[in-house]
Amino acid sequence: MTESIITLFHNPQSRSAGVRVLLEALGAPYEVRFIDLKAGANRTPEFLALNPLGKLPTIRYRDAVVTEQVAIYIYLADLFPAAGLAPALDDPRRGPYLRWIAFYGSSFEPAVVDHAMKRPDIEASTAGYGSYDAMLKTLVEQLGRGDYLLGDRFSAADVLWGSALRWTTGFGIVPALPEIRAYIDRVAAHPAFARAAELDAGLMAEAAVS
């Protein structure tokens, strides 16, 4: 492997599954380092030196280690501009693109976790996401405005959201409303989802016999 290869520390049963889809969609050169979560491979000194939280996804490219799901999506999509999955800095869609990627990390995830854990509601002015209902309404309204988050343009933001919504609706954490279901189906039709799923199935089969 050369230094131009991206290393994805990965387990298909984690948030890194969506990052593999993104790497496939970008046509990026990458290698996978399987992290056996059941065996505690994310808690070893070697892995904690990369990501002290012991979390996936984590990637390494040359001398840069990038953690945090939102940062990874932005970083990778900008690293491969020819794939067209990130609006350029001077593109008027750049702002909305960043908005919806950031909305995932700053509003959707914390709201969904609080809701799933049945934590008491806190004052909307204190919660970064306002309220779960307001967050979900904002998202559903955006999904109803076009095929993708940026209208007719598929972007890395859709890989992030399509992966997350498929997982959260599958476990009943987020309601499979018609707008959400239709959006998941559109995004998951991208060939990168099928390619990543096939590769991950092989990875898990290898892990089961090793």
N, C-alpha and C. Protein backbone atom coordinates (compact mmCIF):
# COMPACT_ATOMS: atom_id res chain seq x y z
N MET A 1 0.84 -1.19 0.00
CA MET A 1 0.00 0.00 0.00
C MET A 1 0.88 1.25 0.00
N THR A 2 0.47 2.25 -0.73
CA THR A 2 1.23 3.49 -0.77
C THR A 2 0.64 4.49 0.17
N GLU A 3 1.35 5.61 0.36
CA GLU A 3 0.87 6.61 1.29
C GLU A 3 -0.39 7.32 0.80
N SER A 4 -0.75 7.10 -0.47
CA SER A 4 -1.95 7.74 -0.99
C SER A 4 -3.21 6.93 -0.71
N ILE A 5 -3.05 5.79 -0.05
CA ILE A 5 -4.19 4.95 0.29
C ILE A 5 -4.82 5.44 1.60
N ILE A 6 -6.13 5.56 1.61
CA ILE A 6 -6.86 5.91 2.83
C ILE A 6 -7.07 4.63 3.62
N THR A 7 -6.83 4.68 4.90
CA THR A 7 -7.11 3.54 5.77
C THR A 7 -8.41 3.80 6.52
N LEU A 8 -9.35 2.90 6.35
CA LEU A 8 -10.63 2.98 7.05
C LEU A 8 -10.63 1.95 8.17
N PHE A 9 -10.67 2.41 9.39
CA PHE A 9 -10.83 1.51 10.54
C PHE A 9 -12.32 1.24 10.65
N HIS A 10 -12.70 -0.02 10.51
CA HIS A 10 -14.07 -0.29 10.10
C HIS A 10 -14.67 -1.52 10.76
N ASN A 11 -15.94 -1.39 11.06
CA ASN A 11 -16.79 -2.52 11.41
C ASN A 11 -18.14 -2.26 10.76
N PRO A 12 -18.64 -3.17 9.92
CA PRO A 12 -19.91 -2.93 9.22
C PRO A 12 -21.10 -2.68 10.14
N GLN A 13 -20.98 -3.09 11.41
CA GLN A 13 -22.08 -2.89 12.36
C GLN A 13 -21.85 -1.63 13.18
N SER A 14 -21.34 -0.61 12.53
CA SER A 14 -21.09 0.67 13.19
C SER A 14 -21.33 1.79 12.19
N ARG A 15 -21.12 3.02 12.64
CA ARG A 15 -21.31 4.17 11.77
C ARG A 15 -20.30 4.22 10.63
N SER A 16 -19.26 3.43 10.71
CA SER A 16 -18.29 3.43 9.62
C SER A 16 -18.85 2.79 8.35
N ALA A 17 -19.98 2.09 8.45
CA ALA A 17 -20.59 1.49 7.26
C ALA A 17 -20.91 2.55 6.21
N GLY A 18 -21.41 3.69 6.65
CA GLY A 18 -21.72 4.76 5.71
C GLY A 18 -20.48 5.36 5.08
N VAL A 19 -19.38 5.40 5.83
CA VAL A 19 -18.13 5.93 5.28
C VAL A 19 -17.61 5.02 4.17
N ARG A 20 -17.79 3.71 4.33
CA ARG A 20 -17.38 2.81 3.24
C ARG A 20 -18.21 3.08 1.99
N VAL A 21 -19.50 3.33 2.16
CA VAL A 21 -20.34 3.69 1.01
C VAL A 21 -19.79 4.94 0.34
N LEU A 22 -19.44 5.94 1.14
CA LEU A 22 -18.92 7.18 0.59
C LEU A 22 -17.61 6.93 -0.17
N LEU A 23 -16.71 6.14 0.39
CA LEU A 23 -15.45 5.84 -0.30
C LEU A 23 -15.71 5.15 -1.63
N GLU A 24 -16.68 4.27 -1.67
CA GLU A 24 -17.04 3.60 -2.92
C GLU A 24 -17.64 4.61 -3.91
N ALA A 25 -18.48 5.49 -3.43
CA ALA A 25 -19.09 6.50 -4.31
C ALA A 25 -18.05 7.46 -4.87
N LEU A 26 -17.03 7.74 -4.08
CA LEU A 26 -15.97 8.66 -4.52
C LEU A 26 -14.97 7.98 -5.44
N GLY A 27 -14.97 6.66 -5.47
CA GLY A 27 -13.95 5.94 -6.23
C GLY A 27 -12.58 6.11 -5.60
N ALA A 28 -12.54 6.25 -4.29
CA ALA A 28 -11.30 6.53 -3.57
C ALA A 28 -10.50 5.25 -3.35
N PRO A 29 -9.18 5.35 -3.41
CA PRO A 29 -8.34 4.20 -3.07
C PRO A 29 -8.26 4.04 -1.55
N TYR A 30 -8.66 2.89 -1.06
CA TYR A 30 -8.65 2.71 0.40
C TYR A 30 -8.43 1.26 0.77
N GLU A 31 -7.99 1.07 2.00
CA GLU A 31 -7.86 -0.24 2.59
C GLU A 31 -8.66 -0.26 3.89
N VAL A 32 -9.06 -1.44 4.29
CA VAL A 32 -9.87 -1.60 5.50
C VAL A 32 -9.07 -2.30 6.59
N ARG A 33 -9.11 -1.75 7.77
CA ARG A 33 -8.60 -2.43 8.95
C ARG A 33 -9.81 -2.79 9.80
N PHE A 34 -10.12 -4.07 9.85
CA PHE A 34 -11.30 -4.51 10.59
C PHE A 34 -11.09 -4.33 12.09
N ILE A 35 -12.06 -3.71 12.72
CA ILE A 35 -12.04 -3.50 14.17
C ILE A 35 -13.11 -4.39 14.80
N ASP A 36 -12.67 -5.42 15.47
CA ASP A 36 -13.60 -6.36 16.10
C ASP A 36 -14.10 -5.74 17.41
N LEU A 37 -15.29 -5.17 17.34
CA LEU A 37 -15.84 -4.49 18.51
C LEU A 37 -16.14 -5.46 19.65
N LYS A 38 -16.59 -6.67 19.30
CA LYS A 38 -16.92 -7.64 20.35
C LYS A 38 -15.66 -8.07 21.12
N ALA A 39 -14.54 -8.05 20.43
CA ALA A 39 -13.28 -8.43 21.07
C ALA A 39 -12.59 -7.24 21.73
N GLY A 40 -13.21 -6.07 21.63
CA GLY A 40 -12.65 -4.88 22.27
C GLY A 40 -11.48 -4.27 21.52
N ALA A 41 -11.40 -4.50 20.19
CA ALA A 41 -10.28 -3.97 19.41
C ALA A 41 -10.28 -2.45 19.36
N ASN A 42 -11.41 -1.85 19.65
CA ASN A 42 -11.48 -0.38 19.68
C ASN A 42 -11.01 0.19 21.01
N ARG A 43 -10.63 -0.67 21.94
CA ARG A 43 -10.16 -0.20 23.24
C ARG A 43 -8.68 -0.52 23.47
N THR A 44 -8.01 -1.00 22.45
CA THR A 44 -6.59 -1.30 22.59
C THR A 44 -5.79 0.00 22.63
N PRO A 45 -4.60 -0.02 23.23
CA PRO A 45 -3.77 1.19 23.25
C PRO A 45 -3.47 1.71 21.84
N GLU A 46 -3.30 0.79 20.89
CA GLU A 46 -2.97 1.19 19.52
C GLU A 46 -4.11 1.98 18.90
N PHE A 47 -5.34 1.49 19.08
CA PHE A 47 -6.47 2.21 18.48
C PHE A 47 -6.78 3.49 19.24
N LEU A 48 -6.68 3.45 20.56
CA LEU A 48 -6.96 4.65 21.36
C LEU A 48 -5.95 5.76 21.08
N ALA A 49 -4.78 5.40 20.58
CA ALA A 49 -3.81 6.42 20.19
C ALA A 49 -4.29 7.19 18.96
N LEU A 50 -5.13 6.52 18.14
CA LEU A 50 -5.72 7.18 16.98
C LEU A 50 -6.98 7.95 17.36
N ASN A 51 -7.84 7.30 18.11
CA ASN A 51 -9.11 7.90 18.52
C ASN A 51 -9.32 7.61 20.01
N PRO A 52 -9.01 8.56 20.86
CA PRO A 52 -9.11 8.34 22.31
C PRO A 52 -10.50 7.95 22.80
N LEU A 53 -11.53 8.22 21.99
CA LEU A 53 -12.88 7.83 22.38
C LEU A 53 -13.18 6.38 22.04
N GLY A 54 -12.30 5.76 21.27
CA GLY A 54 -12.52 4.36 20.89
C GLY A 54 -13.70 4.19 19.96
N LYS A 55 -13.92 5.18 19.09
CA LYS A 55 -15.12 5.20 18.25
C LYS A 55 -14.79 5.01 16.77
N LEU A 56 -15.75 4.44 16.06
CA LEU A 56 -15.75 4.39 14.61
C LEU A 56 -16.87 5.30 14.12
N PRO A 57 -16.65 5.94 12.95
CA PRO A 57 -15.55 5.78 12.01
C PRO A 57 -14.30 6.56 12.42
N THR A 58 -13.19 6.03 11.98
CA THR A 58 -11.89 6.69 12.08
C THR A 58 -11.15 6.39 10.79
N ILE A 59 -10.50 7.39 10.23
CA ILE A 59 -9.72 7.16 9.01
C ILE A 59 -8.32 7.75 9.20
N ARG A 60 -7.40 7.25 8.39
CA ARG A 60 -6.05 7.82 8.36
C ARG A 60 -5.66 8.01 6.90
N TYR A 61 -5.14 9.18 6.58
CA TYR A 61 -4.67 9.47 5.23
C TYR A 61 -3.36 10.23 5.34
N ARG A 62 -2.29 9.62 4.85
CA ARG A 62 -0.96 10.18 5.00
C ARG A 62 -0.69 10.42 6.49
N ASP A 63 -0.44 11.65 6.88
CA ASP A 63 -0.13 11.91 8.29
C ASP A 63 -1.36 12.37 9.08
N ALA A 64 -2.51 12.40 8.44
CA ALA A 64 -3.71 12.93 9.10
C ALA A 64 -4.62 11.80 9.58
N VAL A 65 -5.00 11.87 10.84
CA VAL A 65 -6.03 10.99 11.38
C VAL A 65 -7.28 11.85 11.54
N VAL A 66 -8.37 11.37 10.97
CA VAL A 66 -9.62 12.13 11.05
C VAL A 66 -10.66 11.27 11.76
N THR A 67 -11.26 11.83 12.80
CA THR A 67 -12.36 11.18 13.50
C THR A 67 -13.58 12.10 13.38
N GLU A 68 -14.66 11.72 13.99
CA GLU A 68 -15.93 12.44 13.97
C GLU A 68 -16.58 12.28 12.60
N GLN A 69 -17.73 11.67 12.60
CA GLN A 69 -18.41 11.29 11.37
C GLN A 69 -18.59 12.45 10.40
N VAL A 70 -19.07 13.57 10.89
CA VAL A 70 -19.32 14.72 10.03
C VAL A 70 -18.02 15.22 9.40
N ALA A 71 -16.97 15.30 10.19
CA ALA A 71 -15.68 15.76 9.67
C ALA A 71 -15.17 14.84 8.58
N ILE A 72 -15.36 13.54 8.74
CA ILE A 72 -14.87 12.58 7.76
C ILE A 72 -15.60 12.75 6.43
N TYR A 73 -16.88 12.94 6.47
CA TYR A 73 -17.64 13.11 5.22
C TYR A 73 -17.20 14.38 4.49
N ILE A 74 -17.06 15.47 5.21
CA ILE A 74 -16.63 16.71 4.58
C ILE A 74 -15.22 16.55 4.01
N TYR A 75 -14.33 15.98 4.79
CA TYR A 75 -12.92 15.81 4.41
C TYR A 75 -12.80 14.96 3.15
N LEU A 76 -13.44 13.81 3.14
CA LEU A 76 -13.30 12.90 2.00
C LEU A 76 -13.92 13.46 0.73
N ALA A 77 -15.09 14.04 0.84
CA ALA A 77 -15.74 14.59 -0.35
C ALA A 77 -14.93 15.73 -0.95
N ASP A 78 -14.28 16.53 -0.11
CA ASP A 78 -13.43 17.61 -0.61
C ASP A 78 -12.11 17.07 -1.17
N LEU A 79 -11.66 15.94 -0.64
CA LEU A 79 -10.39 15.36 -1.07
C LEU A 79 -10.48 14.82 -2.50
N PHE A 80 -11.69 14.46 -2.93
CA PHE A 80 -11.89 13.91 -4.27
C PHE A 80 -12.95 14.74 -5.01
N PRO A 81 -12.60 15.99 -5.37
CA PRO A 81 -13.58 16.89 -5.99
C PRO A 81 -14.10 16.39 -7.34
N ALA A 82 -13.30 15.59 -8.05
CA ALA A 82 -13.72 15.12 -9.37
C ALA A 82 -14.96 14.23 -9.29
N ALA A 83 -15.22 13.65 -8.12
CA ALA A 83 -16.40 12.80 -7.96
C ALA A 83 -17.69 13.61 -7.92
N GLY A 84 -17.57 14.90 -7.65
CA GLY A 84 -18.74 15.78 -7.67
C GLY A 84 -19.70 15.61 -6.51
N LEU A 85 -19.23 15.10 -5.39
CA LEU A 85 -20.12 14.87 -4.25
C LEU A 85 -20.10 15.98 -3.22
N ALA A 86 -19.35 17.06 -3.51
CA ALA A 86 -19.32 18.22 -2.62
C ALA A 86 -19.31 19.48 -3.46
N PRO A 87 -20.24 20.40 -3.22
CA PRO A 87 -20.19 21.67 -3.95
C PRO A 87 -18.89 22.42 -3.66
N ALA A 88 -18.37 23.09 -4.67
CA ALA A 88 -17.14 23.86 -4.49
C ALA A 88 -17.38 25.03 -3.55
N LEU A 89 -16.29 25.63 -3.06
CA LEU A 89 -16.40 26.73 -2.10
C LEU A 89 -17.21 27.90 -2.64
N ASP A 90 -17.13 28.15 -3.96
CA ASP A 90 -17.85 29.28 -4.55
C ASP A 90 -19.21 28.89 -5.12
N ASP A 91 -19.62 27.66 -4.89
CA ASP A 91 -20.93 27.19 -5.34
C ASP A 91 -21.98 27.65 -4.33
N PRO A 92 -23.07 28.27 -4.77
CA PRO A 92 -24.10 28.73 -3.82
C PRO A 92 -24.72 27.59 -3.00
N ARG A 93 -24.54 26.36 -3.45
CA ARG A 93 -25.08 25.23 -2.69
C ARG A 93 -24.13 24.76 -1.59
N ARG A 94 -22.94 25.36 -1.52
CA ARG A 94 -21.98 24.95 -0.50
C ARG A 94 -22.51 25.18 0.92
N GLY A 95 -23.12 26.32 1.13
CA GLY A 95 -23.67 26.63 2.44
C GLY A 95 -24.74 25.65 2.88
N PRO A 96 -25.78 25.42 2.04
CA PRO A 96 -26.79 24.43 2.42
C PRO A 96 -26.22 23.03 2.60
N TYR A 97 -25.24 22.68 1.80
CA TYR A 97 -24.59 21.37 1.92
C TYR A 97 -23.97 21.21 3.31
N LEU A 98 -23.20 22.22 3.72
CA LEU A 98 -22.59 22.16 5.05
C LEU A 98 -23.64 22.22 6.15
N ARG A 99 -24.69 22.98 5.91
CA ARG A 99 -25.75 23.08 6.91
C ARG A 99 -26.33 21.70 7.22
N TRP A 100 -26.65 20.93 6.18
CA TRP A 100 -27.33 19.66 6.43
C TRP A 100 -26.40 18.59 6.94
N ILE A 101 -25.13 18.67 6.60
CA ILE A 101 -24.17 17.75 7.20
C ILE A 101 -24.01 18.08 8.69
N ALA A 102 -23.87 19.36 9.00
CA ALA A 102 -23.73 19.76 10.40
C ALA A 102 -25.00 19.49 11.20
N PHE A 103 -26.15 19.65 10.57
CA PHE A 103 -27.43 19.39 11.23
C PHE A 103 -27.51 17.94 11.72
N TYR A 104 -26.91 17.05 10.95
CA TYR A 104 -26.90 15.65 11.38
C TYR A 104 -26.20 15.49 12.72
N GLY A 105 -24.99 16.05 12.83
CA GLY A 105 -24.21 15.85 14.04
C GLY A 105 -24.66 16.68 15.22
N SER A 106 -25.11 17.90 14.94
CA SER A 106 -25.43 18.81 16.04
C SER A 106 -26.88 18.71 16.50
N SER A 107 -27.77 18.25 15.64
CA SER A 107 -29.19 18.20 16.00
C SER A 107 -29.77 16.79 15.94
N PHE A 108 -29.62 16.11 14.81
CA PHE A 108 -30.27 14.81 14.65
C PHE A 108 -29.78 13.78 15.66
N GLU A 109 -28.48 13.53 15.69
CA GLU A 109 -27.98 12.47 16.57
C GLU A 109 -28.30 12.72 18.04
N PRO A 110 -28.00 13.90 18.58
CA PRO A 110 -28.32 14.09 20.01
C PRO A 110 -29.82 14.02 20.29
N ALA A 111 -30.63 14.54 19.38
CA ALA A 111 -32.08 14.49 19.60
C ALA A 111 -32.59 13.05 19.57
N VAL A 112 -32.11 12.27 18.61
CA VAL A 112 -32.55 10.89 18.48
C VAL A 112 -32.10 10.05 19.68
N VAL A 113 -30.88 10.26 20.13
CA VAL A 113 -30.39 9.50 21.28
C VAL A 113 -31.21 9.84 22.53
N ASP A 114 -31.43 11.13 22.76
CA ASP A 114 -32.23 11.53 23.92
C ASP A 114 -33.64 10.94 23.86
N HIS A 115 -34.21 10.97 22.65
CA HIS A 115 -35.57 10.45 22.46
C HIS A 115 -35.60 8.94 22.67
N ALA A 116 -34.62 8.23 22.10
CA ALA A 116 -34.60 6.78 22.22
C ALA A 116 -34.37 6.32 23.65
N MET A 117 -33.60 7.10 24.40
CA MET A 117 -33.32 6.77 25.79
C MET A 117 -34.42 7.24 26.74
N LYS A 118 -35.45 7.88 26.16
CA LYS A 118 -36.60 8.39 26.93
C LYS A 118 -36.16 9.37 28.03
N ARG A 119 -35.20 10.19 27.69
CA ARG A 119 -34.76 11.20 28.64
C ARG A 119 -35.77 12.32 28.72
N PRO A 120 -35.94 12.92 29.87
CA PRO A 120 -36.92 14.01 30.00
C PRO A 120 -36.56 15.16 29.07
N ASP A 121 -37.59 15.78 28.50
CA ASP A 121 -37.36 16.95 27.65
C ASP A 121 -36.72 18.06 28.47
N ILE A 122 -35.85 18.81 27.83
CA ILE A 122 -35.28 19.99 28.48
C ILE A 122 -35.76 21.23 27.74
N GLU A 123 -35.58 22.36 28.36
CA GLU A 123 -36.02 23.62 27.76
C GLU A 123 -35.42 23.77 26.36
N ALA A 124 -36.29 24.10 25.39
CA ALA A 124 -35.87 24.19 23.99
C ALA A 124 -34.74 25.19 23.80
N SER A 125 -34.74 26.24 24.59
CA SER A 125 -33.70 27.25 24.45
C SER A 125 -32.34 26.74 24.94
N THR A 126 -32.36 25.66 25.73
CA THR A 126 -31.13 25.07 26.25
C THR A 126 -30.61 23.97 25.33
N ALA A 127 -31.53 23.17 24.77
CA ALA A 127 -31.14 22.07 23.89
C ALA A 127 -30.62 22.62 22.56
N GLY A 128 -29.48 22.11 22.11
CA GLY A 128 -28.93 22.57 20.84
C GLY A 128 -29.83 22.29 19.66
N TYR A 129 -30.66 21.24 19.79
CA TYR A 129 -31.56 20.88 18.69
C TYR A 129 -32.98 21.42 18.90
N GLY A 130 -33.19 22.21 19.92
CA GLY A 130 -34.53 22.75 20.19
C GLY A 130 -35.39 21.70 20.85
N SER A 131 -36.01 20.86 20.03
CA SER A 131 -36.79 19.73 20.54
C SER A 131 -36.77 18.63 19.48
N TYR A 132 -37.04 17.41 19.91
CA TYR A 132 -37.05 16.29 18.97
C TYR A 132 -38.07 16.53 17.87
N ASP A 133 -39.27 16.96 18.24
CA ASP A 133 -40.32 17.17 17.24
C ASP A 133 -39.94 18.26 16.24
N ALA A 134 -39.34 19.34 16.74
CA ALA A 134 -38.93 20.43 15.84
C ALA A 134 -37.82 19.95 14.90
N MET A 135 -36.89 19.18 15.44
CA MET A 135 -35.80 18.65 14.61
C MET A 135 -36.35 17.77 13.50
N LEU A 136 -37.25 16.83 13.86
CA LEU A 136 -37.78 15.90 12.88
C LEU A 136 -38.62 16.62 11.83
N LYS A 137 -39.41 17.59 12.25
CA LYS A 137 -40.24 18.36 11.32
C LYS A 137 -39.36 19.11 10.32
N THR A 138 -38.28 19.69 10.81
CA THR A 138 -37.35 20.43 9.94
C THR A 138 -36.75 19.50 8.89
N LEU A 139 -36.34 18.31 9.32
CA LEU A 139 -35.75 17.34 8.41
C LEU A 139 -36.76 16.86 7.37
N VAL A 140 -37.93 16.46 7.81
CA VAL A 140 -38.94 15.91 6.90
C VAL A 140 -39.35 16.96 5.86
N GLU A 141 -39.48 18.20 6.28
CA GLU A 141 -39.83 19.25 5.32
C GLU A 141 -38.76 19.40 4.25
N GLN A 142 -37.50 19.30 4.65
CA GLN A 142 -36.41 19.41 3.66
C GLN A 142 -36.42 18.22 2.71
N LEU A 143 -36.66 17.05 3.23
CA LEU A 143 -36.68 15.86 2.38
C LEU A 143 -37.81 15.91 1.36
N GLY A 144 -38.86 16.64 1.66
CA GLY A 144 -39.98 16.76 0.75
C GLY A 144 -39.80 17.79 -0.34
N ARG A 145 -38.69 18.52 -0.30
CA ARG A 145 -38.47 19.61 -1.27
C ARG A 145 -37.78 19.17 -2.55
N GLY A 146 -37.27 17.96 -2.56
CA GLY A 146 -36.57 17.50 -3.76
C GLY A 146 -36.13 16.06 -3.58
N ASP A 147 -35.50 15.52 -4.62
CA ASP A 147 -35.05 14.15 -4.53
C ASP A 147 -33.96 13.97 -3.47
N TYR A 148 -33.10 15.01 -3.36
CA TYR A 148 -31.98 14.94 -2.43
C TYR A 148 -31.95 16.20 -1.58
N LEU A 149 -31.03 16.25 -0.64
CA LEU A 149 -30.96 17.41 0.26
C LEU A 149 -30.66 18.70 -0.48
N LEU A 150 -29.95 18.58 -1.61
CA LEU A 150 -29.64 19.76 -2.42
C LEU A 150 -30.52 19.82 -3.66
N GLY A 151 -31.72 19.28 -3.55
CA GLY A 151 -32.64 19.30 -4.69
C GLY A 151 -32.40 18.12 -5.61
N ASP A 152 -31.92 18.41 -6.82
CA ASP A 152 -31.70 17.33 -7.79
C ASP A 152 -30.26 16.84 -7.79
N ARG A 153 -29.41 17.37 -6.89
CA ARG A 153 -28.01 16.98 -6.87
C ARG A 153 -27.71 16.03 -5.71
N PHE A 154 -27.21 14.85 -6.04
CA PHE A 154 -26.78 13.87 -5.05
C PHE A 154 -25.42 14.30 -4.51
N SER A 155 -25.25 14.25 -3.18
CA SER A 155 -23.99 14.69 -2.57
C SER A 155 -23.61 13.76 -1.43
N ALA A 156 -22.43 14.02 -0.87
CA ALA A 156 -21.97 13.26 0.29
C ALA A 156 -22.94 13.38 1.46
N ALA A 157 -23.65 14.49 1.54
CA ALA A 157 -24.65 14.67 2.60
C ALA A 157 -25.73 13.60 2.51
N ASP A 158 -26.07 13.18 1.30
CA ASP A 158 -27.10 12.16 1.13
C ASP A 158 -26.59 10.79 1.53
N VAL A 159 -25.30 10.52 1.33
CA VAL A 159 -24.74 9.25 1.80
C VAL A 159 -24.84 9.19 3.32
N LEU A 160 -24.49 10.29 3.96
CA LEU A 160 -24.57 10.37 5.42
C LEU A 160 -26.00 10.15 5.91
N TRP A 161 -26.92 10.93 5.37
CA TRP A 161 -28.31 10.87 5.83
C TRP A 161 -29.01 9.58 5.40
N GLY A 162 -28.74 9.12 4.19
CA GLY A 162 -29.37 7.88 3.73
C GLY A 162 -28.96 6.71 4.60
N SER A 163 -27.66 6.64 4.93
CA SER A 163 -27.16 5.56 5.80
C SER A 163 -27.77 5.65 7.19
N ALA A 164 -27.79 6.86 7.75
CA ALA A 164 -28.29 7.04 9.11
C ALA A 164 -29.78 6.77 9.21
N LEU A 165 -30.55 7.25 8.25
CA LEU A 165 -32.00 7.06 8.31
C LEU A 165 -32.39 5.61 8.04
N ARG A 166 -31.65 4.95 7.19
CA ARG A 166 -31.95 3.53 6.96
C ARG A 166 -31.74 2.73 8.24
N TRP A 167 -30.66 3.06 8.97
CA TRP A 167 -30.36 2.34 10.20
C TRP A 167 -31.37 2.69 11.29
N THR A 168 -31.65 3.97 11.49
CA THR A 168 -32.53 4.38 12.59
C THR A 168 -33.99 3.99 12.36
N THR A 169 -34.44 4.03 11.11
CA THR A 169 -35.82 3.57 10.85
C THR A 169 -35.89 2.05 10.95
N GLY A 170 -34.82 1.38 10.55
CA GLY A 170 -34.80 -0.09 10.63
C GLY A 170 -34.94 -0.59 12.05
N PHE A 171 -34.42 0.17 13.00
CA PHE A 171 -34.52 -0.22 14.40
C PHE A 171 -35.69 0.47 15.10
N GLY A 172 -36.50 1.20 14.34
CA GLY A 172 -37.66 1.86 14.92
C GLY A 172 -37.35 3.06 15.79
N ILE A 173 -36.13 3.57 15.67
CA ILE A 173 -35.75 4.73 16.47
C ILE A 173 -36.32 6.01 15.88
N VAL A 174 -36.43 6.04 14.55
CA VAL A 174 -37.02 7.16 13.83
C VAL A 174 -38.21 6.62 13.04
N PRO A 175 -39.33 7.32 13.02
CA PRO A 175 -40.50 6.82 12.30
C PRO A 175 -40.26 6.78 10.79
N ALA A 176 -40.68 5.70 10.17
CA ALA A 176 -40.51 5.55 8.72
C ALA A 176 -41.63 6.28 7.99
N LEU A 177 -41.63 7.61 8.12
CA LEU A 177 -42.64 8.43 7.45
C LEU A 177 -42.48 8.32 5.94
N PRO A 178 -43.53 8.58 5.17
CA PRO A 178 -43.43 8.43 3.71
C PRO A 178 -42.28 9.23 3.10
N GLU A 179 -42.07 10.45 3.57
CA GLU A 179 -40.98 11.27 3.02
C GLU A 179 -39.62 10.65 3.33
N ILE A 180 -39.48 10.10 4.52
CA ILE A 180 -38.22 9.48 4.92
C ILE A 180 -38.00 8.18 4.16
N ARG A 181 -39.03 7.36 4.05
CA ARG A 181 -38.91 6.09 3.35
C ARG A 181 -38.55 6.30 1.88
N ALA A 182 -39.23 7.25 1.24
CA ALA A 182 -38.96 7.52 -0.18
C ALA A 182 -37.54 8.04 -0.37
N TYR A 183 -37.08 8.87 0.55
CA TYR A 183 -35.72 9.41 0.46
C TYR A 183 -34.69 8.29 0.61
N ILE A 184 -34.87 7.42 1.59
CA ILE A 184 -33.96 6.29 1.79
C ILE A 184 -33.87 5.45 0.52
N ASP A 185 -35.01 5.17 -0.09
CA ASP A 185 -35.04 4.34 -1.29
C ASP A 185 -34.28 5.01 -2.44
N ARG A 186 -34.45 6.32 -2.59
CA ARG A 186 -33.73 7.03 -3.66
C ARG A 186 -32.23 7.00 -3.44
N VAL A 187 -31.82 7.30 -2.22
CA VAL A 187 -30.38 7.36 -1.94
C VAL A 187 -29.75 5.98 -2.02
N ALA A 188 -30.40 4.98 -1.45
CA ALA A 188 -29.84 3.63 -1.41
C ALA A 188 -29.78 2.98 -2.79
N ALA A 189 -30.44 3.59 -3.78
CA ALA A 189 -30.36 3.07 -5.15
C ALA A 189 -29.01 3.37 -5.79
N HIS A 190 -28.22 4.26 -5.18
CA HIS A 190 -26.88 4.55 -5.72
C HIS A 190 -26.05 3.26 -5.67
N PRO A 191 -25.34 2.94 -6.74
CA PRO A 191 -24.58 1.68 -6.80
C PRO A 191 -23.58 1.49 -5.67
N ALA A 192 -23.10 2.58 -5.09
CA ALA A 192 -22.11 2.46 -4.02
C ALA A 192 -22.67 1.72 -2.81
N PHE A 193 -23.96 1.84 -2.56
CA PHE A 193 -24.56 1.14 -1.42
C PHE A 193 -24.50 -0.37 -1.62
N ALA A 194 -24.81 -0.83 -2.83
CA ALA A 194 -24.76 -2.27 -3.10
C ALA A 194 -23.32 -2.78 -3.07
N ARG A 195 -22.38 -2.01 -3.61
CA ARG A 195 -20.99 -2.44 -3.60
C ARG A 195 -20.46 -2.55 -2.17
N ALA A 196 -20.75 -1.56 -1.35
CA ALA A 196 -20.29 -1.58 0.03
C ALA A 196 -20.92 -2.73 0.80
N ALA A 197 -22.20 -2.98 0.57
CA ALA A 197 -22.88 -4.08 1.26
C ALA A 197 -22.26 -5.42 0.90
N GLU A 198 -21.91 -5.61 -0.36
CA GLU A 198 -21.29 -6.86 -0.80
C GLU A 198 -19.91 -7.04 -0.16
N LEU A 199 -19.13 -5.97 -0.14
CA LEU A 199 -17.81 -6.04 0.46
C LEU A 199 -17.90 -6.30 1.97
N ASP A 200 -18.86 -5.67 2.60
CA ASP A 200 -19.01 -5.85 4.06
C ASP A 200 -19.50 -7.26 4.39
N ALA A 201 -20.33 -7.83 3.54
CA ALA A 201 -20.77 -9.20 3.77
C ALA A 201 -19.57 -10.15 3.73
N GLY A 202 -18.68 -9.91 2.77
CA GLY A 202 -17.47 -10.73 2.69
C GLY A 202 -16.57 -10.54 3.89
N LEU A 203 -16.46 -9.30 4.34
CA LEU A 203 -15.63 -9.00 5.51
C LEU A 203 -16.15 -9.71 6.74
N MET A 204 -17.46 -9.67 6.96
CA MET A 204 -18.03 -10.31 8.14
C MET A 204 -17.92 -11.82 8.05
N ALA A 205 -18.02 -12.36 6.84
CA ALA A 205 -17.87 -13.82 6.68
C ALA A 205 -16.44 -14.24 7.03
N GLU A 206 -15.47 -13.44 6.60
CA GLU A 206 -14.07 -13.73 6.93
C GLU A 206 -13.83 -13.63 8.43
N ALA A 207 -14.43 -12.61 9.05
CA ALA A 207 -14.25 -12.41 10.50
C ALA A 207 -14.85 -13.56 11.29
N ALA A 208 -15.93 -14.14 10.77
CA ALA A 208 -16.62 -15.21 11.50
C ALA A 208 -15.81 -16.49 11.55
N VAL A 209 -14.94 -16.68 10.56
CA VAL A 209 -14.18 -17.93 10.53
C VAL A 209 -12.73 -17.73 11.01
N SER A 210 -12.36 -16.52 11.32
CA SER A 210 -10.98 -16.26 11.73
C SER A 210 -10.82 -16.42 13.24
